[in-house]
Structure formats: structure tokens, C-alpha cells
Amino acid sequence: MKGGSNDLADHPLRNSIIASATAFPGQKSLFFRRRWRRSSCGFLLAGALLAALAASPAQMQSRSGSHSGPPLDSLSDEERKTVERAIGVVCSERRRDSKGSVPIDDMQRRPSLPLTRPEVMRGAELADRLLPVSKGLVVSALRRLSEIYQLDHSRTYNARLDRAIARIQAVNRVQPDIDARDNASVYLKNPHVITFGTIFLAGLPSEEGMISVLSHELVHIGDGDSDSLRLLFQTVGERASDLTGIRVHAQRAEELTCDLAGEMAAQNYIDSSPNYEPLPRRLARSVEHNCVDADDSDEDHLSPRNTLRALLTLDAKLREGLVYRR
């Protein structure tokens, strides 16, 4: 919103704000379980700064086409072709990558994993290590989204964002759970903990993939039971609907915004810790769990492939990094 208003009352989306729903009372979660349930889907390490000094020149350079300026009203035919090419890159990189994420539908078919399985223990250790980093990265992503969608001119919105950030900063633990299987969830009665199913922990072997999912859950916690980020969700949902022609409202808008903030947090991490791995491979890790064969959706959630398509439509930096390696 332009004009420096100090209240949300004059924002053009005021009358269309829809309160977000939760999968279960007091629970917010990432990724879906076939039609009836879906699980959900600043601070930089000193090591990341040291890595940047030793990184390859290609990744040392700042990438153009970043999350800058107001979003476009429409995509050109060439940009839409780039979105489809980017989807192909994401899924082909996943197949070639030894650290590629397991697709959501594949996770759903797998038997439960005990806490003592080596891959579960590695996933839990990775999540614990990256939680502090993810909090700083996702806060930066939320602030940037607020600028992009011109919400940061409102004192009321900024106060709500500050409250969301305080809740994010208070998260301090990842809890592995056998019964949660392929899900990650947050319970608002216990907002300091992210619960991870053991299958999910084992299915996200990369730093980029884990940061994306941790950040998704952190956004849910930031929104909390007072819907602090409701206007951001609604605004992103309206934009995604306009650009893709897919209905993205209410809970769908919340889930997509959590995904968007998550992949942006992963991009922030990639930019701050470059290495010799190909850029498209690292970028793909943040969204490749959506490369499914069974592409189901429901009223509250886009299908995984439509989620991937919407993210690449909304984020020019992501699609251009995947296709043009910049």
C-alpha cells in the first residue's frame, strides 16, 4: 500500500481478508495426506561467512532478478515457459542429487521409522543445528515479502509482524515423533516446538531442504492463534490466484505463503553460504519434495505440483536461478 497509512483500514484488501483455518484445533501443519489431511508442510553462522570467502566466483556474485520491486500484474508467455522449464529442472535435479528430498507421496508410502535409525538421527541433528539459522533467515524473508507486497507502510501491520517475529524467535526445539510419520507440525498450545515425523526427518537430507521446511513451520508459529500474518497470506494468495488462475484463498493462501517464505529463506542461505555445488541443484532442494507422481489436492491445499508452479510463478529469482543459473 502506498501513501504511508498508519492503519489497515484503507488497504484495498481489507474487506476480503479471510481468517485462516487449521488442520486440527490448535495445530498448523505442512504438506498433505491424500485428500483428508495435509501436514505442513539477521542470524548467520560464522562458518557461512567463512565459506563465502572460499566459494566459487559463480556463486559469490549477487544474483539479479531478486525479490525486488512490486510484483507484476501478469506473466509474459516467455516467463510462463520459464516457469515450466524450472519445474523440469527442479525434478531432474532431485533425481540426480544424492541429497535430494524424498517426494511427499513417496514418504507417505514408507513404513514408520524408529527414532534410532541412523537417517532419522542425522535428520534430527540437522534440524537442531539449522533451527537458529532458519529463524533469522525466515524473519528476513517475511520482512522482504512485506516490502514486496507494500504492506510495511502500515503501523498496525508492522506491529503484527513484530509480534509474529517475537514468536518465531522464541522457538527453541525440534521434537522427533514416530507417529507423525511424514508430517511436520506446530501446536499453538506449545509454540516453542516444531514436531517432525521420523520419515520426514529422514527424507530431507540437505541443508536447503531442511531450512525450507523449518521456515514454513516457523511462519505458522509466527501467525499464531491471533492471525498476525493474515493480511500477508491474503495478499500473496490474491497475487497467486491472479497469476496462475488457481483458487488460492484462506488456508491455501497461508500454506502457500509459508512455502514461499521457506524457499526464500533457503535462497537467503544459499546466497550467504556459496559453495562449489551447481546453483540449480541447491535451489531445487528447497522445493523438490513437490515432485510427486500422485498430485492430489483438497479444499485447503494446493496439490504439490501446483504449489511448485505457484512458487515459481511468484518468485522470479527462484525460476531464473534454476533455468539460467544466476
Foldseek 3Di string as FASTA:
>chain_A
DDDLAADCPPPPCVVVQDAFDDLDVQKHACAADFANGGGDPLDDDPVLQVLLVVADPLLVDDFPQFLDAAFDLEDDPVLLVLLVVLLVLLQVLLVVDPQRFAALVVQVPDAFDDCPDPLLVLLQVLLLVCLVVLLSLLLVLVVSLCVRLVVVSYNLLVVLSVQLSVLLNQAREEAEDRVCRQIWMAGLVPSNYIYHYSSNSSRRRDSLQSSLRSQLRSNVSSCGPVNSCSVSLASLQVSLCSHPVDRQHHLQSSSLVSNLSSLSSSVVSCSSRPHDDQQLSSSSRNQSSLVDPPQDAYPNHHTSVSSSSSSCRRTVSSSCCNPVVD
